[in-house]
Protein backbone atom coordinates (compact mmCIF):
# COMPACT_ATOMS: atom_id res chain seq x y z
CA MET A 1 -32.47 -17.06 -47.01
CA THR A 2 -28.74 -17.05 -47.75
CA LEU A 3 -26.32 -15.14 -45.53
CA GLN A 4 -22.71 -14.31 -46.41
CA LEU A 5 -20.56 -14.55 -43.30
CA HIS A 6 -17.53 -12.37 -42.60
CA PRO A 7 -14.68 -13.01 -42.87
CA LYS A 8 -15.48 -14.35 -46.32
CA GLU A 9 -13.60 -17.62 -45.62
CA TRP A 10 -16.47 -18.61 -43.31
CA GLY A 11 -18.64 -18.94 -46.42
CA GLN A 12 -22.40 -18.78 -46.56
CA LEU A 13 -25.32 -20.03 -44.48
CA GLN A 14 -28.58 -21.15 -46.03
CA VAL A 15 -31.36 -20.78 -43.46
CA SER A 16 -34.94 -21.99 -43.71
CA VAL A 17 -37.28 -21.39 -40.75
CA THR A 18 -40.96 -22.26 -40.36
CA VAL A 19 -43.09 -21.04 -37.44
CA ALA A 20 -46.46 -22.67 -36.80
CA PRO A 21 -49.13 -22.34 -34.11
CA GLY A 22 -48.85 -24.67 -31.14
CA PRO A 23 -50.86 -27.91 -31.10
CA THR A 24 -53.40 -26.53 -28.61
CA VAL A 25 -54.83 -23.11 -27.80
CA GLY A 26 -52.33 -21.20 -25.68
CA ALA A 27 -49.45 -23.57 -26.47
CA ALA A 28 -46.11 -22.16 -27.60
CA GLN A 29 -45.60 -21.71 -31.32
CA THR A 30 -43.39 -24.37 -32.88
CA VAL A 31 -40.27 -23.66 -34.91
CA THR A 32 -38.64 -25.87 -37.53
CA ALA A 33 -35.21 -24.79 -38.79
CA HIS A 34 -32.83 -26.16 -41.39
CA ILE A 35 -29.39 -24.51 -41.50
CA VAL A 36 -26.75 -25.42 -44.08
CA ALA A 37 -23.23 -24.07 -43.57
CA GLN A 38 -20.67 -23.87 -46.35
CA ASN A 39 -17.83 -24.15 -43.82
CA SER A 40 -17.62 -27.22 -41.54
CA GLN A 41 -16.13 -25.18 -38.67
CA VAL A 42 -19.09 -22.79 -38.80
CA LYS A 43 -21.44 -25.79 -38.77
CA ALA A 44 -19.68 -27.18 -35.67
CA ALA A 45 -19.85 -23.80 -33.89
CA LEU A 46 -23.59 -23.53 -34.58
CA GLU A 47 -24.20 -27.06 -33.33
CA ASN A 48 -22.29 -26.27 -30.13
CA GLN A 49 -24.56 -23.27 -29.46
CA SER A 50 -27.88 -24.90 -30.34
CA GLY A 51 -28.83 -25.28 -26.65
CA ASP A 52 -28.51 -21.53 -26.13
CA LEU A 53 -30.59 -20.88 -29.26
CA ARG A 54 -33.32 -23.24 -28.07
CA GLN A 55 -33.36 -21.59 -24.63
CA ALA A 56 -33.58 -18.06 -26.04
CA LEU A 57 -36.48 -19.03 -28.31
CA ARG A 58 -38.24 -20.87 -25.46
CA GLU A 59 -38.00 -17.69 -23.37
CA ALA A 60 -39.58 -15.81 -26.29
CA GLY A 61 -42.52 -18.25 -26.34
CA LEU A 62 -41.29 -20.43 -29.22
CA GLU A 63 -40.51 -24.14 -29.04
CA PHE A 64 -38.19 -25.95 -31.45
CA THR A 65 -39.73 -29.09 -32.87
CA TYR A 66 -36.87 -29.73 -35.28
CA LEU A 67 -33.42 -28.22 -35.75
CA GLU A 68 -31.07 -29.61 -38.37
CA TYR A 69 -27.58 -28.50 -39.28
CA GLY A 70 -26.01 -29.63 -42.52
CA SER A 71 -23.05 -28.85 -44.69
CA TYR A 72 -22.91 -28.12 -48.39
CA PHE A 73 -21.08 -31.41 -48.87
CA SER A 74 -23.78 -33.46 -47.14
CA GLU A 75 -26.50 -31.65 -49.13
CA TRP A 76 -24.63 -32.36 -52.37
CA ARG A 77 -24.27 -36.06 -51.45
CA ARG A 78 -27.97 -36.30 -50.60
CA ARG A 79 -28.98 -34.82 -53.96
CA LEU A 80 -26.82 -37.34 -55.81
CA ALA A 81 -28.35 -40.31 -53.97
């Protein structure tokens, strides 16, 4: 999913989220997220709030197994490698 942030200078976010059943019956579902920000300041702000996001999801019965933040520049470099 791609989100356009406002103001427009903040750029876009590309978000990919996968939710899977927990490893055992009754265990919390697991969440894997990959978030790519067009703007490095937006990326930094998201990284700074990741603890709050993890806590809110934990309270909702979800457990993060993997959370990655990237930038368009790092994605571009990775594709060229």
